[in-house]
Every structure is written in C-alpha cells, then in structure tokens.
C-alpha cells in the first residue's frame, strides 16, 4: 500500500505524477511470445494498476490469457500498452509481447475507492 495509508478516489486522476511510492510494485521480464500472469493483491477490494513497459508492444488482458495481434482485425481480450486500469482484488493480469528482445514490465497498484 502507499506509504502513509493514502488511497485515491475516483475524482483523482491517476496519471503517475504526484503519486507516492507504494509497496505494491511488481516487475518481470517477458520472453518473446510467452505469456506471464500476475494476480492482483487482496489487501484492498479495488486498485488502480499503473503499467510501465520497456517496449511499445506489450499486450495486457484481465482474467484471460493475453495474445498478440494477428494479421487482421479481430476482437481480443487484450489491450496494447495500457497506462492505467482499474482492477479488482483477485483479478489475474496476463502479459505478452512478440518483441524478440522481450520486455521488462512494471505494475504498480494503488488502492482505489470509488466516490460515486
């Protein structure tokens, strides 16, 4: 959780500016075309997940396995390079890249309380 027990409400933008450091920061290195998953921690019911990637081609899905884009438009559960998404404790985030050099992924969770 952020140091000092600070949480963020729905009226506060999560733009990665002015946020405190948090103890809920996770890192991994993806190999090309190998999906990895991360379970959202359970200390709070909801979080804002802030994502950082070393490449611009990381696909992220929630509660499904992420896949990379194909050669034609298709419905997919994955989004490419999201910056921040609301997630629920226990959700499973899946990550994949087709980059032959792989990618380093950092995910930071901030407790989130909807104010509406």
C-alpha atoms as a PDB file:
ATOM      1  CA  UNK A   1       0.000   0.000   0.000  1.00  0.00           C
ATOM      2  CA  UNK A   2       1.227   3.566  -0.445  1.00  0.00           C
ATOM      3  CA  UNK A   3       3.276   4.710   2.493  1.00  0.00           C
ATOM      4  CA  UNK A   4       1.182   6.710   4.960  1.00  0.00           C
ATOM      5  CA  UNK A   5      -2.053   4.787   4.176  1.00  0.00           C
ATOM      6  CA  UNK A   6      -3.065   7.187   1.392  1.00  0.00           C
ATOM      7  CA  UNK A   7      -5.695   5.958  -1.057  1.00  0.00           C
ATOM      8  CA  UNK A   8      -7.032   7.551  -4.215  1.00  0.00           C
ATOM      9  CA  UNK A   9     -10.670   8.346  -5.020  1.00  0.00           C
ATOM     10  CA  UNK A  10     -12.391   8.270  -8.381  1.00  0.00           C
ATOM     11  CA  UNK A  11     -12.116  12.070  -8.667  1.00  0.00           C
ATOM     12  CA  UNK A  12      -8.313  11.969  -8.601  1.00  0.00           C
ATOM     13  CA  UNK A  13      -6.635  11.294 -11.936  1.00  0.00           C
ATOM     14  CA  UNK A  14      -4.048   8.556 -11.872  1.00  0.00           C
ATOM     15  CA  UNK A  15      -1.503   9.978 -14.281  1.00  0.00           C
ATOM     16  CA  UNK A  16       1.665   8.849 -12.480  1.00  0.00           C
ATOM     17  CA  UNK A  17       2.509  12.415 -11.424  1.00  0.00           C
ATOM     18  CA  UNK A  18       2.494  13.131  -7.705  1.00  0.00           C
ATOM     19  CA  UNK A  19       1.764   9.571  -6.603  1.00  0.00           C
ATOM     20  CA  UNK A  20       3.608   8.241  -3.587  1.00  0.00           C
ATOM     21  CA  UNK A  21       5.846   5.214  -3.837  1.00  0.00           C
ATOM     22  CA  UNK A  22       3.988   2.027  -2.979  1.00  0.00           C
ATOM     23  CA  UNK A  23       4.969  -1.338  -1.550  1.00  0.00           C
ATOM     24  CA  UNK A  24       2.753  -2.990  -4.198  1.00  0.00           C
ATOM     25  CA  UNK A  25       5.173  -2.783  -7.126  1.00  0.00           C
ATOM     26  CA  UNK A  26       5.835  -5.883  -9.252  1.00  0.00           C
ATOM     27  CA  UNK A  27       8.415  -6.478 -12.035  1.00  0.00           C
ATOM     28  CA  UNK A  28       9.132  -9.218 -14.520  1.00  0.00           C
ATOM     29  CA  UNK A  29      10.949  -9.789 -17.799  1.00  0.00           C
ATOM     30  CA  UNK A  30       8.852 -11.219 -20.617  1.00  0.00           C
ATOM     31  CA  UNK A  31      10.362 -13.536 -23.207  1.00  0.00           C
ATOM     32  CA  UNK A  32       9.023 -13.214 -26.739  1.00  0.00           C
ATOM     33  CA  UNK A  33       5.624 -14.896 -27.227  1.00  0.00           C
ATOM     34  CA  UNK A  34       5.481 -16.331 -23.685  1.00  0.00           C
ATOM     35  CA  UNK A  35       2.552 -15.091 -21.596  1.00  0.00           C
ATOM     36  CA  UNK A  36       3.060 -14.391 -17.886  1.00  0.00           C
ATOM     37  CA  UNK A  37       0.412 -13.610 -15.295  1.00  0.00           C
ATOM     38  CA  UNK A  38       0.134 -11.559 -12.105  1.00  0.00           C
ATOM     39  CA  UNK A  39      -2.685 -11.826  -9.567  1.00  0.00           C
ATOM     40  CA  UNK A  40      -3.930  -8.503  -8.181  1.00  0.00           C
ATOM     41  CA  UNK A  41      -3.240  -8.396  -4.428  1.00  0.00           C
ATOM     42  CA  UNK A  42      -6.085  -8.711  -1.959  1.00  0.00           C
ATOM     43  CA  UNK A  43      -5.355  -6.122   0.741  1.00  0.00           C
ATOM     44  CA  UNK A  44      -7.989  -3.771  -0.749  1.00  0.00           C
ATOM     45  CA  UNK A  45     -11.065  -4.500  -2.893  1.00  0.00           C
ATOM     46  CA  UNK A  46     -10.074  -2.285  -5.852  1.00  0.00           C
ATOM     47  CA  UNK A  47      -6.905  -0.742  -7.263  1.00  0.00           C
ATOM     48  CA  UNK A  48      -5.603   1.486  -9.987  1.00  0.00           C
ATOM     49  CA  UNK A  49      -2.899  -0.514 -11.758  1.00  0.00           C
ATOM     50  CA  UNK A  50      -0.231   1.705 -13.358  1.00  0.00           C
ATOM     51  CA  UNK A  51       1.827  -0.041 -16.062  1.00  0.00           C
ATOM     52  CA  UNK A  52       5.346   0.651 -17.360  1.00  0.00           C
ATOM     53  CA  UNK A  53       6.965  -1.222 -20.270  1.00  0.00           C
ATOM     54  CA  UNK A  54      10.423  -1.060 -21.860  1.00  0.00           C
ATOM     55  CA  UNK A  55       8.926  -1.685 -25.311  1.00  0.00           C
ATOM     56  CA  UNK A  56       5.782  -0.416 -27.011  1.00  0.00           C
ATOM     57  CA  UNK A  57       4.238  -3.767 -27.840  1.00  0.00           C
ATOM     58  CA  UNK A  58       3.126  -5.423 -24.614  1.00  0.00           C
ATOM     59  CA  UNK A  59      -0.410  -6.808 -24.656  1.00  0.00           C
ATOM     60  CA  UNK A  60      -2.330  -6.998 -21.363  1.00  0.00           C
ATOM     61  CA  UNK A  61      -5.564  -8.880 -20.603  1.00  0.00           C
ATOM     62  CA  UNK A  62      -7.559  -9.322 -17.412  1.00  0.00           C
ATOM     63  CA  UNK A  63      -8.871 -12.766 -16.407  1.00  0.00           C
ATOM     64  CA  UNK A  64      -7.936 -14.178 -19.828  1.00  0.00           C
ATOM     65  CA  UNK A  65      -4.646 -15.060 -21.486  1.00  0.00           C
ATOM     66  CA  UNK A  66      -3.174 -12.150 -23.437  1.00  0.00           C
ATOM     67  CA  UNK A  67      -2.394 -12.718 -27.103  1.00  0.00           C
ATOM     68  CA  UNK A  68      -0.507 -10.590 -29.613  1.00  0.00           C
ATOM     69  CA  UNK A  69      -2.283  -9.033 -32.589  1.00  0.00           C
ATOM     70  CA  UNK A  70      -2.806 -11.069 -35.722  1.00  0.00           C
ATOM     71  CA  UNK A  71      -2.721 -10.052 -39.376  1.00  0.00           C
ATOM     72  CA  UNK A  72      -6.390  -8.950 -39.477  1.00  0.00           C
ATOM     73  CA  UNK A  73      -8.747  -7.076 -37.166  1.00  0.00           C
ATOM     74  CA  UNK A  74     -10.307  -9.349 -34.568  1.00  0.00           C
ATOM     75  CA  UNK A  75     -11.977  -8.991 -31.189  1.00  0.00           C
ATOM     76  CA  UNK A  76      -9.389  -9.570 -28.488  1.00  0.00           C
ATOM     77  CA  UNK A  77      -9.412  -9.509 -24.682  1.00  0.00           C
ATOM     78  CA  UNK A  78      -6.002  -7.796 -24.666  1.00  0.00           C
ATOM     79  CA  UNK A  79      -5.029  -4.129 -24.902  1.00  0.00           C
ATOM     80  CA  UNK A  80      -1.654  -2.923 -26.132  1.00  0.00           C
ATOM     81  CA  UNK A  81       0.420  -0.844 -23.705  1.00  0.00           C
ATOM     82  CA  UNK A  82      -2.296   0.407 -21.330  1.00  0.00           C
ATOM     83  CA  UNK A  83      -1.056   3.070 -18.930  1.00  0.00           C
ATOM     84  CA  UNK A  84      -3.569   2.635 -16.090  1.00  0.00           C
ATOM     85  CA  UNK A  85      -6.624   0.461 -15.496  1.00  0.00           C
ATOM     86  CA  UNK A  86      -8.993  -0.188 -12.604  1.00  0.00           C
ATOM     87  CA  UNK A  87      -8.700  -3.747 -11.320  1.00  0.00           C
ATOM     88  CA  UNK A  88     -10.318  -5.825  -8.594  1.00  0.00           C
ATOM     89  CA  UNK A  89      -8.518  -7.879  -5.955  1.00  0.00           C
ATOM     90  CA  UNK A  90      -8.024 -11.402  -7.266  1.00  0.00           C
ATOM     91  CA  UNK A  91      -8.110 -10.402 -10.948  1.00  0.00           C
ATOM     92  CA  UNK A  92      -5.397 -12.097 -12.989  1.00  0.00           C
ATOM     93  CA  UNK A  93      -3.475  -9.865 -15.383  1.00  0.00           C
ATOM     94  CA  UNK A  94      -1.835 -11.577 -18.349  1.00  0.00           C
ATOM     95  CA  UNK A  95       1.077 -10.054 -20.309  1.00  0.00           C
ATOM     96  CA  UNK A  96       2.723 -10.990 -23.616  1.00  0.00           C
ATOM     97  CA  UNK A  97       4.987  -9.426 -26.225  1.00  0.00           C
ATOM     98  CA  UNK A  98       6.111 -10.523 -29.674  1.00  0.00           C
ATOM     99  CA  UNK A  99       9.280  -8.437 -29.385  1.00  0.00           C
ATOM    100  CA  UNK A 100      12.240 -10.732 -29.981  1.00  0.00           C
ATOM    101  CA  UNK A 101      14.184  -8.838 -27.301  1.00  0.00           C
ATOM    102  CA  UNK A 102      11.410  -9.420 -24.767  1.00  0.00           C
ATOM    103  CA  UNK A 103      10.221  -6.644 -22.440  1.00  0.00           C
ATOM    104  CA  UNK A 104      10.533  -5.556 -18.848  1.00  0.00           C
ATOM    105  CA  UNK A 105       7.148  -4.953 -17.224  1.00  0.00           C
ATOM    106  CA  UNK A 106       6.477  -2.985 -14.035  1.00  0.00           C
ATOM    107  CA  UNK A 107       2.998  -2.888 -12.453  1.00  0.00           C
ATOM    108  CA  UNK A 108       2.239  -0.611  -9.503  1.00  0.00           C
ATOM    109  CA  UNK A 109      -1.021  -0.949  -7.547  1.00  0.00           C
ATOM    110  CA  UNK A 110      -2.711   1.933  -5.701  1.00  0.00           C
ATOM    111  CA  UNK A 111      -5.799   1.331  -3.508  1.00  0.00           C
ATOM    112  CA  UNK A 112      -8.846   2.866  -5.184  1.00  0.00           C
ATOM    113  CA  UNK A 113     -12.146   3.911  -3.674  1.00  0.00           C
ATOM    114  CA  UNK A 114     -14.999   4.895  -5.965  1.00  0.00           C
ATOM    115  CA  UNK A 115     -16.606   8.068  -4.717  1.00  0.00           C
ATOM    116  CA  UNK A 116     -19.787   7.740  -6.754  1.00  0.00           C
END
